[in-house]
Amino acid sequence: MSAPPAKPSGAPPERPDTPCVAVCSTTFDDVCRGCGRTVAEVAHWVSMSADQKEAVWQRILAQGYPRRNT
């Protein structure tokens, strides 16, 4: 078996299609307690560019999301 091709330098890391962890709750504010996205980010996720999604990923990971047990 051959090794998979190397990712180009500077390419964003491979991530799931969405940060959703099926722990959806915006009961107390406009940020999901499961994935850390805002209500607007969740609503517009499918139409966001790869760069916009990467910016959201960077922010939520820095904030400790996604969380499966909230």
C-alpha atoms as a PDB file:
ATOM      1  CA  MET A   1       0.000   0.000   0.000  1.00  0.00           C
ATOM      2  CA  SER A   2       1.244   3.475  -0.759  1.00  0.00           C
ATOM      3  CA  ALA A   3       1.050   6.411   1.641  1.00  0.00           C
ATOM      4  CA  PRO A   4      -1.686   9.013   1.074  1.00  0.00           C
ATOM      5  CA  PRO A   5      -0.534  12.150  -0.722  1.00  0.00           C
ATOM      6  CA  ALA A   6       0.889  14.845   1.541  1.00  0.00           C
ATOM      7  CA  LYS A   7      -1.238  17.930   2.146  1.00  0.00           C
ATOM      8  CA  PRO A   8       0.111  21.106   0.612  1.00  0.00           C
ATOM      9  CA  SER A   9       1.923  23.383   3.013  1.00  0.00           C
ATOM     10  CA  GLY A  10      -0.423  26.056   4.369  1.00  0.00           C
ATOM     11  CA  ALA A  11      -3.540  24.013   3.605  1.00  0.00           C
ATOM     12  CA  PRO A  12      -6.201  24.144   6.326  1.00  0.00           C
ATOM     13  CA  PRO A  13      -6.396  21.042   8.507  1.00  0.00           C
ATOM     14  CA  GLU A  14      -8.914  18.383   7.563  1.00  0.00           C
ATOM     15  CA  ARG A  15     -12.018  18.776   9.694  1.00  0.00           C
ATOM     16  CA  PRO A  16     -15.503  17.271   9.809  1.00  0.00           C
ATOM     17  CA  ASP A  17     -18.058  18.938   7.514  1.00  0.00           C
ATOM     18  CA  THR A  18     -19.550  20.726  10.508  1.00  0.00           C
ATOM     19  CA  PRO A  19     -18.625  21.349  14.155  1.00  0.00           C
ATOM     20  CA  CYS A  20     -22.069  20.090  15.212  1.00  0.00           C
ATOM     21  CA  VAL A  21     -21.943  17.432  17.936  1.00  0.00           C
ATOM     22  CA  ALA A  22     -25.739  17.016  18.252  1.00  0.00           C
ATOM     23  CA  VAL A  23     -25.815  18.817  21.603  1.00  0.00           C
ATOM     24  CA  CYS A  24     -27.756  21.790  20.311  1.00  0.00           C
ATOM     25  CA  SER A  25     -28.830  24.454  22.763  1.00  0.00           C
ATOM     26  CA  THR A  26     -29.063  28.218  22.502  1.00  0.00           C
ATOM     27  CA  THR A  27     -31.441  28.512  25.452  1.00  0.00           C
ATOM     28  CA  PHE A  28     -29.430  31.060  27.428  1.00  0.00           C
ATOM     29  CA  ASP A  29     -27.749  33.075  24.655  1.00  0.00           C
ATOM     30  CA  ASP A  30     -27.055  33.100  20.913  1.00  0.00           C
ATOM     31  CA  VAL A  31     -24.157  30.620  21.115  1.00  0.00           C
ATOM     32  CA  CYS A  32     -24.727  26.882  20.837  1.00  0.00           C
ATOM     33  CA  ARG A  33     -23.549  25.096  23.982  1.00  0.00           C
ATOM     34  CA  GLY A  34     -22.467  22.087  21.894  1.00  0.00           C
ATOM     35  CA  CYS A  35     -20.503  23.490  18.972  1.00  0.00           C
ATOM     36  CA  GLY A  36     -19.866  27.095  19.991  1.00  0.00           C
ATOM     37  CA  ARG A  37     -21.270  28.627  16.832  1.00  0.00           C
ATOM     38  CA  THR A  38     -23.651  31.562  16.892  1.00  0.00           C
ATOM     39  CA  VAL A  39     -27.229  31.134  15.721  1.00  0.00           C
ATOM     40  CA  ALA A  40     -26.314  33.023  12.513  1.00  0.00           C
ATOM     41  CA  GLU A  41     -23.267  30.800  11.894  1.00  0.00           C
ATOM     42  CA  VAL A  42     -25.367  27.667  12.277  1.00  0.00           C
ATOM     43  CA  ALA A  43     -28.056  29.059   9.948  1.00  0.00           C
ATOM     44  CA  HIS A  44     -25.577  30.121   7.246  1.00  0.00           C
ATOM     45  CA  TRP A  45     -23.018  27.297   7.577  1.00  0.00           C
ATOM     46  CA  VAL A  46     -23.921  25.597   4.296  1.00  0.00           C
ATOM     47  CA  SER A  47     -23.489  28.818   2.315  1.00  0.00           C
ATOM     48  CA  MET A  48     -20.256  29.968   4.002  1.00  0.00           C
ATOM     49  CA  SER A  49     -16.972  29.871   2.087  1.00  0.00           C
ATOM     50  CA  ALA A  50     -14.165  27.564   3.172  1.00  0.00           C
ATOM     51  CA  ASP A  51     -12.285  30.584   4.565  1.00  0.00           C
ATOM     52  CA  GLN A  52     -15.313  31.716   6.586  1.00  0.00           C
ATOM     53  CA  LYS A  53     -15.792  28.205   7.978  1.00  0.00           C
ATOM     54  CA  GLU A  54     -12.094  27.987   8.878  1.00  0.00           C
ATOM     55  CA  ALA A  55     -12.332  31.297  10.770  1.00  0.00           C
ATOM     56  CA  VAL A  56     -15.263  29.901  12.776  1.00  0.00           C
ATOM     57  CA  TRP A  57     -13.364  26.639  13.417  1.00  0.00           C
ATOM     58  CA  GLN A  58     -10.336  28.602  14.663  1.00  0.00           C
ATOM     59  CA  ARG A  59     -12.483  30.651  17.077  1.00  0.00           C
ATOM     60  CA  ILE A  60     -14.522  27.780  18.485  1.00  0.00           C
ATOM     61  CA  LEU A  61     -11.494  25.535  18.981  1.00  0.00           C
ATOM     62  CA  ALA A  62      -9.713  28.375  20.826  1.00  0.00           C
ATOM     63  CA  GLN A  63     -12.796  28.682  23.051  1.00  0.00           C
ATOM     64  CA  GLY A  64     -12.845  24.971  23.892  1.00  0.00           C
ATOM     65  CA  TYR A  65     -15.576  23.813  21.541  1.00  0.00           C
ATOM     66  CA  PRO A  66     -17.039  21.555  20.276  1.00  0.00           C
ATOM     67  CA  ARG A  67     -18.225  19.986  23.527  1.00  0.00           C
ATOM     68  CA  ARG A  68     -20.083  16.718  23.649  1.00  0.00           C
ATOM     69  CA  ASN A  69     -20.917  16.811  27.362  1.00  0.00           C
ATOM     70  CA  THR A  70     -22.359  20.212  28.281  1.00  0.00           C
END
